[in-house]
All heavy atoms as atom14 arrays in JSON, in Angstrom:
{
  "sequence": "ARSGGAPADPGVWSRRLRNAATVVLPPMIVTAVFLL",
  "atom14_mask": [
    [1, 1, 1, 1, 1, 0, 0, 0, 0, 0, 0, 0, 0, 0],
    [1, 1, 1, 1, 1, 1, 1, 1, 1, 1, 1, 0, 0, 0],
    [1, 1, 1, 1, 1, 1, 0, 0, 0, 0, 0, 0, 0, 0],
    [1, 1, 1, 1, 0, 0, 0, 0, 0, 0, 0, 0, 0, 0],
    [1, 1, 1, 1, 0, 0, 0, 0, 0, 0, 0, 0, 0, 0],
    [1, 1, 1, 1, 1, 0, 0, 0, 0, 0, 0, 0, 0, 0],
    [1, 1, 1, 1, 1, 1, 1, 0, 0, 0, 0, 0, 0, 0],
    [1, 1, 1, 1, 1, 0, 0, 0, 0, 0, 0, 0, 0, 0],
    [1, 1, 1, 1, 1, 1, 1, 1, 0, 0, 0, 0, 0, 0],
    [1, 1, 1, 1, 1, 1, 1, 0, 0, 0, 0, 0, 0, 0],
    [1, 1, 1, 1, 0, 0, 0, 0, 0, 0, 0, 0, 0, 0],
    [1, 1, 1, 1, 1, 1, 1, 0, 0, 0, 0, 0, 0, 0],
    [1, 1, 1, 1, 1, 1, 1, 1, 1, 1, 1, 1, 1, 1],
    [1, 1, 1, 1, 1, 1, 0, 0, 0, 0, 0, 0, 0, 0],
    [1, 1, 1, 1, 1, 1, 1, 1, 1, 1, 1, 0, 0, 0],
    [1, 1, 1, 1, 1, 1, 1, 1, 1, 1, 1, 0, 0, 0],
    [1, 1, 1, 1, 1, 1, 1, 1, 0, 0, 0, 0, 0, 0],
    [1, 1, 1, 1, 1, 1, 1, 1, 1, 1, 1, 0, 0, 0],
    [1, 1, 1, 1, 1, 1, 1, 1, 0, 0, 0, 0, 0, 0],
    [1, 1, 1, 1, 1, 0, 0, 0, 0, 0, 0, 0, 0, 0],
    [1, 1, 1, 1, 1, 0, 0, 0, 0, 0, 0, 0, 0, 0],
    [1, 1, 1, 1, 1, 1, 1, 0, 0, 0, 0, 0, 0, 0],
    [1, 1, 1, 1, 1, 1, 1, 0, 0, 0, 0, 0, 0, 0],
    [1, 1, 1, 1, 1, 1, 1, 0, 0, 0, 0, 0, 0, 0],
    [1, 1, 1, 1, 1, 1, 1, 1, 0, 0, 0, 0, 0, 0],
    [1, 1, 1, 1, 1, 1, 1, 0, 0, 0, 0, 0, 0, 0],
    [1, 1, 1, 1, 1, 1, 1, 0, 0, 0, 0, 0, 0, 0],
    [1, 1, 1, 1, 1, 1, 1, 1, 0, 0, 0, 0, 0, 0],
    [1, 1, 1, 1, 1, 1, 1, 1, 0, 0, 0, 0, 0, 0],
    [1, 1, 1, 1, 1, 1, 1, 0, 0, 0, 0, 0, 0, 0],
    [1, 1, 1, 1, 1, 1, 1, 0, 0, 0, 0, 0, 0, 0],
    [1, 1, 1, 1, 1, 0, 0, 0, 0, 0, 0, 0, 0, 0],
    [1, 1, 1, 1, 1, 1, 1, 0, 0, 0, 0, 0, 0, 0],
    [1, 1, 1, 1, 1, 1, 1, 1, 1, 1, 1, 0, 0, 0],
    [1, 1, 1, 1, 1, 1, 1, 1, 0, 0, 0, 0, 0, 0],
    [1, 1, 1, 1, 1, 1, 1, 1, 0, 0, 0, 0, 0, 0]
  ],
  "atom14_positions": [
    [[-16.39, 10.59, -8.65], [-15.24, 10.39, -9.55], [-14.76, 8.96, -9.47], [-14.74, 8.34, -8.41], [-14.1, 11.34, -9.15], [0.0, 0.0, 0.0], [0.0, 0.0, 0.0], [0.0, 0.0, 0.0], [0.0, 0.0, 0.0], [0.0, 0.0, 0.0], [0.0, 0.0, 0.0], [0.0, 0.0, 0.0], [0.0, 0.0, 0.0], [0.0, 0.0, 0.0]],
    [[-14.38, 8.44, -10.63], [-13.9, 7.06, -10.67], [-12.46, 7.0, -10.19], [-11.69, 7.9, -10.41], [-14.0, 6.5, -12.09], [-15.42, 6.45, -12.6], [-15.46, 5.76, -13.94], [-16.81, 5.67, -14.46], [-17.12, 5.07, -15.59], [-16.18, 4.49, -16.3], [-18.38, 5.04, -16.0], [0.0, 0.0, 0.0], [0.0, 0.0, 0.0], [0.0, 0.0, 0.0]],
    [[-12.19, 5.94, -9.55], [-10.82, 5.76, -9.05], [-9.87, 5.55, -10.22], [-10.22, 4.94, -11.21], [-10.76, 4.55, -8.1], [-11.15, 3.39, -8.78], [0.0, 0.0, 0.0], [0.0, 0.0, 0.0], [0.0, 0.0, 0.0], [0.0, 0.0, 0.0], [0.0, 0.0, 0.0], [0.0, 0.0, 0.0], [0.0, 0.0, 0.0], [0.0, 0.0, 0.0]],
    [[-8.66, 6.1, -10.03], [-7.64, 5.91, -11.06], [-7.74, 6.93, -12.18], [-6.98, 6.88, -13.12], [0.0, 0.0, 0.0], [0.0, 0.0, 0.0], [0.0, 0.0, 0.0], [0.0, 0.0, 0.0], [0.0, 0.0, 0.0], [0.0, 0.0, 0.0], [0.0, 0.0, 0.0], [0.0, 0.0, 0.0], [0.0, 0.0, 0.0], [0.0, 0.0, 0.0]],
    [[-8.68, 7.9, -12.13], [-8.77, 8.92, -13.16], [-9.24, 8.41, -14.49], [-8.92, 8.97, -15.53], [0.0, 0.0, 0.0], [0.0, 0.0, 0.0], [0.0, 0.0, 0.0], [0.0, 0.0, 0.0], [0.0, 0.0, 0.0], [0.0, 0.0, 0.0], [0.0, 0.0, 0.0], [0.0, 0.0, 0.0], [0.0, 0.0, 0.0], [0.0, 0.0, 0.0]],
    [[-9.96, 7.3, -14.56], [-10.43, 6.75, -15.83], [-11.52, 7.64, -16.4], [-12.34, 8.18, -15.67], [-10.97, 5.34, -15.61], [0.0, 0.0, 0.0], [0.0, 0.0, 0.0], [0.0, 0.0, 0.0], [0.0, 0.0, 0.0], [0.0, 0.0, 0.0], [0.0, 0.0, 0.0], [0.0, 0.0, 0.0], [0.0, 0.0, 0.0], [0.0, 0.0, 0.0]],
    [[-11.56, 7.88, -17.69], [-12.58, 8.73, -18.27], [-13.96, 8.12, -18.1], [-14.16, 6.9, -18.18], [-12.18, 8.78, -19.75], [-11.35, 7.57, -19.96], [-10.64, 7.3, -18.67], [0.0, 0.0, 0.0], [0.0, 0.0, 0.0], [0.0, 0.0, 0.0], [0.0, 0.0, 0.0], [0.0, 0.0, 0.0], [0.0, 0.0, 0.0], [0.0, 0.0, 0.0]],
    [[-14.94, 9.0, -17.84], [-16.3, 8.53, -17.62], [-16.95, 8.07, -18.92], [-17.87, 7.25, -18.91], [-17.14, 9.63, -16.97], [0.0, 0.0, 0.0], [0.0, 0.0, 0.0], [0.0, 0.0, 0.0], [0.0, 0.0, 0.0], [0.0, 0.0, 0.0], [0.0, 0.0, 0.0], [0.0, 0.0, 0.0], [0.0, 0.0, 0.0], [0.0, 0.0, 0.0]],
    [[-16.5, 8.64, -20.04], [-17.12, 8.31, -21.31], [-16.64, 6.93, -21.77], [-15.45, 6.74, -22.03], [-16.75, 9.37, -22.35], [-17.47, 9.15, -23.67], [-18.37, 8.27, -23.7], [-17.16, 9.84, -24.65], [0.0, 0.0, 0.0], [0.0, 0.0, 0.0], [0.0, 0.0, 0.0], [0.0, 0.0, 0.0], [0.0, 0.0, 0.0], [0.0, 0.0, 0.0]],
    [[-17.53, 5.95, -21.88], [-17.07, 4.63, -22.35], [-16.63, 4.64, -23.79], [-15.91, 3.74, -24.23], [-18.3, 3.74, -22.15], [-19.47, 4.68, -22.17], [-18.97, 5.96, -21.56], [0.0, 0.0, 0.0], [0.0, 0.0, 0.0], [0.0, 0.0, 0.0], [0.0, 0.0, 0.0], [0.0, 0.0, 0.0], [0.0, 0.0, 0.0], [0.0, 0.0, 0.0]],
    [[-17.02, 5.67, -24.55], [-16.59, 5.73, -25.95], [-15.11, 5.98, -26.1], [-14.52, 5.65, -27.13], [0.0, 0.0, 0.0], [0.0, 0.0, 0.0], [0.0, 0.0, 0.0], [0.0, 0.0, 0.0], [0.0, 0.0, 0.0], [0.0, 0.0, 0.0], [0.0, 0.0, 0.0], [0.0, 0.0, 0.0], [0.0, 0.0, 0.0], [0.0, 0.0, 0.0]],
    [[-14.49, 6.58, -25.06], [-13.05, 6.83, -25.14], [-12.28, 5.51, -25.2], [-11.36, 5.34, -26.0], [-12.6, 7.66, -23.92], [-11.08, 7.81, -23.91], [-13.27, 9.03, -23.94], [0.0, 0.0, 0.0], [0.0, 0.0, 0.0], [0.0, 0.0, 0.0], [0.0, 0.0, 0.0], [0.0, 0.0, 0.0], [0.0, 0.0, 0.0], [0.0, 0.0, 0.0]],
    [[-12.69, 4.55, -24.36], [-12.02, 3.26, -24.36], [-12.24, 2.51, -25.67], [-11.32, 1.85, -26.17], [-12.5, 2.42, -23.18], [-11.96, 2.87, -21.88], [-12.63, 3.49, -20.87], [-10.61, 2.77, -21.44], [-11.8, 3.78, -19.82], [-10.54, 3.33, -20.14], [-9.45, 2.24, -22.01], [-9.35, 3.4, -19.42], [-8.26, 2.31, -21.29], [-8.24, 2.88, -20.01]],
    [[-13.42, 2.62, -26.21], [-13.68, 1.94, -27.48], [-12.83, 2.53, -28.6], [-12.31, 1.8, -29.45], [-15.16, 2.03, -27.83], [-15.57, 3.36, -28.02], [0.0, 0.0, 0.0], [0.0, 0.0, 0.0], [0.0, 0.0, 0.0], [0.0, 0.0, 0.0], [0.0, 0.0, 0.0], [0.0, 0.0, 0.0], [0.0, 0.0, 0.0], [0.0, 0.0, 0.0]],
    [[-12.66, 3.85, -28.58], [-11.81, 4.47, -29.6], [-10.35, 4.06, -29.44], [-9.64, 3.82, -30.42], [-11.94, 5.99, -29.54], [-13.26, 6.54, -30.09], [-13.2, 8.02, -30.3], [-13.02, 8.74, -29.04], [-14.01, 9.16, -28.27], [-15.27, 8.92, -28.63], [-13.78, 9.82, -27.15], [0.0, 0.0, 0.0], [0.0, 0.0, 0.0], [0.0, 0.0, 0.0]],
    [[-9.92, 3.97, -28.18], [-8.54, 3.55, -27.94], [-8.32, 2.11, -28.4], [-7.28, 1.78, -28.96], [-8.21, 3.68, -26.46], [-8.1, 5.13, -25.98], [-7.76, 5.19, -24.5], [-7.63, 6.56, -24.03], [-7.37, 6.89, -22.76], [-7.22, 5.94, -21.85], [-7.26, 8.16, -22.42], [0.0, 0.0, 0.0], [0.0, 0.0, 0.0], [0.0, 0.0, 0.0]],
    [[-9.3, 1.27, -28.13], [-9.17, -0.12, -28.56], [-9.14, -0.23, -30.08], [-8.38, -1.02, -30.65], [-10.32, -0.95, -27.99], [-10.28, -1.2, -26.47], [-11.54, -1.94, -26.04], [-9.04, -2.0, -26.09], [0.0, 0.0, 0.0], [0.0, 0.0, 0.0], [0.0, 0.0, 0.0], [0.0, 0.0, 0.0], [0.0, 0.0, 0.0], [0.0, 0.0, 0.0]],
    [[-9.98, 0.57, -30.75], [-9.97, 0.55, -32.22], [-8.64, 1.05, -32.77], [-8.1, 0.47, -33.73], [-11.12, 1.4, -32.76], [-12.5, 0.76, -32.6], [-13.51, 1.45, -33.51], [-13.65, 2.85, -33.16], [-14.55, 3.33, -32.29], [-15.37, 2.5, -31.66], [-14.62, 4.62, -32.04], [0.0, 0.0, 0.0], [0.0, 0.0, 0.0], [0.0, 0.0, 0.0]],
    [[-8.09, 2.1, -32.16], [-6.8, 2.6, -32.62], [-5.7, 1.57, -32.4], [-4.83, 1.37, -33.26], [-6.46, 3.9, -31.89], [-7.39, 5.04, -32.26], [-7.99, 5.03, -33.34], [-7.52, 6.02, -31.38], [0.0, 0.0, 0.0], [0.0, 0.0, 0.0], [0.0, 0.0, 0.0], [0.0, 0.0, 0.0], [0.0, 0.0, 0.0], [0.0, 0.0, 0.0]],
    [[-5.73, 0.91, -31.23], [-4.72, -0.11, -30.96], [-4.85, -1.28, -31.92], [-3.85, -1.83, -32.41], [-4.84, -0.6, -29.51], [0.0, 0.0, 0.0], [0.0, 0.0, 0.0], [0.0, 0.0, 0.0], [0.0, 0.0, 0.0], [0.0, 0.0, 0.0], [0.0, 0.0, 0.0], [0.0, 0.0, 0.0], [0.0, 0.0, 0.0], [0.0, 0.0, 0.0]],
    [[-6.1, -1.67, -32.21], [-6.32, -2.77, -33.16], [-5.83, -2.38, -34.56], [-5.27, -3.21, -35.29], [-7.79, -3.15, -33.2], [0.0, 0.0, 0.0], [0.0, 0.0, 0.0], [0.0, 0.0, 0.0], [0.0, 0.0, 0.0], [0.0, 0.0, 0.0], [0.0, 0.0, 0.0], [0.0, 0.0, 0.0], [0.0, 0.0, 0.0], [0.0, 0.0, 0.0]],
    [[-6.01, -1.11, -34.93], [-5.55, -0.66, -36.25], [-4.04, -0.75, -36.37], [-3.5, -1.04, -37.45], [-6.0, 0.79, -36.48], [-7.43, 0.87, -36.36], [-5.6, 1.27, -37.86], [0.0, 0.0, 0.0], [0.0, 0.0, 0.0], [0.0, 0.0, 0.0], [0.0, 0.0, 0.0], [0.0, 0.0, 0.0], [0.0, 0.0, 0.0], [0.0, 0.0, 0.0]],
    [[-3.33, -0.53, -35.25], [-1.87, -0.57, -35.29], [-1.34, -2.0, -35.16], [-0.38, -2.38, -35.83], [-1.29, 0.32, -34.16], [0.22, 0.19, -34.09], [-1.7, 1.78, -34.38], [0.0, 0.0, 0.0], [0.0, 0.0, 0.0], [0.0, 0.0, 0.0], [0.0, 0.0, 0.0], [0.0, 0.0, 0.0], [0.0, 0.0, 0.0], [0.0, 0.0, 0.0]],
    [[-1.96, -2.81, -34.31], [-1.41, -4.12, -33.96], [-1.87, -5.21, -34.91], [-1.08, -6.08, -35.31], [-1.78, -4.47, -32.51], [-1.33, -5.89, -32.17], [-1.18, -3.47, -31.54], [0.0, 0.0, 0.0], [0.0, 0.0, 0.0], [0.0, 0.0, 0.0], [0.0, 0.0, 0.0], [0.0, 0.0, 0.0], [0.0, 0.0, 0.0], [0.0, 0.0, 0.0]],
    [[-3.13, -5.19, -35.3], [-3.68, -6.3, -36.07], [-3.04, -6.49, -37.44], [-2.73, -7.64, -37.81], [-5.2, -6.14, -36.21], [-6.02, -6.49, -34.97], [-7.51, -6.31, -35.26], [-5.75, -7.93, -34.53], [0.0, 0.0, 0.0], [0.0, 0.0, 0.0], [0.0, 0.0, 0.0], [0.0, 0.0, 0.0], [0.0, 0.0, 0.0], [0.0, 0.0, 0.0]],
    [[-2.82, -5.44, -38.24], [-2.24, -5.68, -39.58], [-0.92, -6.42, -39.56], [-0.75, -7.41, -40.28], [-2.11, -4.26, -40.17], [-3.18, -3.48, -39.48], [-3.24, -4.03, -38.1], [0.0, 0.0, 0.0], [0.0, 0.0, 0.0], [0.0, 0.0, 0.0], [0.0, 0.0, 0.0], [0.0, 0.0, 0.0], [0.0, 0.0, 0.0], [0.0, 0.0, 0.0]],
    [[0.1, -5.99, -38.74], [1.34, -6.78, -38.75], [1.17, -8.19, -38.22], [1.84, -9.11, -38.67], [2.29, -5.95, -37.85], [1.4, -5.09, -37.05], [0.22, -4.79, -37.9], [0.0, 0.0, 0.0], [0.0, 0.0, 0.0], [0.0, 0.0, 0.0], [0.0, 0.0, 0.0], [0.0, 0.0, 0.0], [0.0, 0.0, 0.0], [0.0, 0.0, 0.0]],
    [[0.26, -8.38, -37.24], [0.03, -9.73, -36.72], [-0.58, -10.63, -37.79], [-0.17, -11.78, -37.94], [-0.88, -9.66, -35.5], [-0.25, -9.02, -34.28], [-1.36, -9.02, -32.85], [-1.6, -10.77, -32.61], [0.0, 0.0, 0.0], [0.0, 0.0, 0.0], [0.0, 0.0, 0.0], [0.0, 0.0, 0.0], [0.0, 0.0, 0.0], [0.0, 0.0, 0.0]],
    [[-1.52, -10.09, -38.55], [-2.16, -10.89, -39.6], [-1.16, -11.23, -40.7], [-1.08, -12.39, -41.16], [-3.38, -10.14, -40.17], [-4.47, -10.02, -39.08], [-3.93, -10.85, -41.39], [-5.65, -9.17, -39.51], [0.0, 0.0, 0.0], [0.0, 0.0, 0.0], [0.0, 0.0, 0.0], [0.0, 0.0, 0.0], [0.0, 0.0, 0.0], [0.0, 0.0, 0.0]],
    [[-0.38, -10.23, -41.12], [0.61, -10.48, -42.17], [1.65, -11.49, -41.71], [2.05, -12.4, -42.47], [1.27, -9.15, -42.59], [2.44, -9.41, -43.54], [0.26, -8.23, -43.24], [0.0, 0.0, 0.0], [0.0, 0.0, 0.0], [0.0, 0.0, 0.0], [0.0, 0.0, 0.0], [0.0, 0.0, 0.0], [0.0, 0.0, 0.0], [0.0, 0.0, 0.0]],
    [[2.11, -11.36, -40.46], [3.09, -12.31, -39.93], [2.53, -13.72, -39.87], [3.2, -14.7, -40.22], [3.55, -11.87, -38.54], [4.09, -10.54, -38.61], [4.61, -12.82, -38.0], [0.0, 0.0, 0.0], [0.0, 0.0, 0.0], [0.0, 0.0, 0.0], [0.0, 0.0, 0.0], [0.0, 0.0, 0.0], [0.0, 0.0, 0.0], [0.0, 0.0, 0.0]],
    [[1.27, -13.84, -39.43], [0.65, -15.17, -39.35], [0.51, -15.79, -40.73], [0.78, -16.99, -40.91], [-0.72, -15.05, -38.68], [0.0, 0.0, 0.0], [0.0, 0.0, 0.0], [0.0, 0.0, 0.0], [0.0, 0.0, 0.0], [0.0, 0.0, 0.0], [0.0, 0.0, 0.0], [0.0, 0.0, 0.0], [0.0, 0.0, 0.0], [0.0, 0.0, 0.0]],
    [[0.12, -14.99, -41.72], [-0.01, -15.52, -43.08], [1.36, -15.94, -43.62], [1.5, -16.99, -44.26], [-0.67, -14.47, -43.98], [-0.63, -14.91, -45.45], [-2.12, -14.21, -43.56], [0.0, 0.0, 0.0], [0.0, 0.0, 0.0], [0.0, 0.0, 0.0], [0.0, 0.0, 0.0], [0.0, 0.0, 0.0], [0.0, 0.0, 0.0], [0.0, 0.0, 0.0]],
    [[2.38, -15.12, -43.35], [3.73, -15.45, -43.81], [4.22, -16.75, -43.19], [4.78, -17.62, -43.88], [4.68, -14.3, -43.47], [6.13, -14.62, -43.71], [6.64, -14.67, -44.99], [6.98, -14.88, -42.63], [7.98, -14.97, -45.21], [8.31, -15.18, -42.84], [8.8, -15.23, -44.13], [0.0, 0.0, 0.0], [0.0, 0.0, 0.0], [0.0, 0.0, 0.0]],
    [[4.02, -16.92, -41.88], [4.45, -18.14, -41.22], [3.67, -19.36, -41.71], [4.24, -20.46, -41.85], [4.28, -18.0, -39.7], [5.21, -16.99, -39.01], [4.86, -16.89, -37.53], [6.67, -17.37, -39.2], [0.0, 0.0, 0.0], [0.0, 0.0, 0.0], [0.0, 0.0, 0.0], [0.0, 0.0, 0.0], [0.0, 0.0, 0.0], [0.0, 0.0, 0.0]],
    [[2.4, -19.17, -42.0], [1.59, -20.27, -42.52], [2.09, -20.72, -43.88], [2.24, -21.92, -44.15], [0.13, -19.87, -42.57], [-0.85, -20.93, -43.1], [-0.83, -22.16, -42.22], [-2.27, -20.35, -43.2], [0.0, 0.0, 0.0], [0.0, 0.0, 0.0], [0.0, 0.0, 0.0], [0.0, 0.0, 0.0], [0.0, 0.0, 0.0], [0.0, 0.0, 0.0]]
  ]
}
């Protein structure tokens, strides 16, 4: 077992990263364009 209870499936982390990018990237891009 991995320390810290991390899931063994590496696809779980990739899905989490994609979900986080879906939430964070759009407002960051819009804000950057607005400031520019």
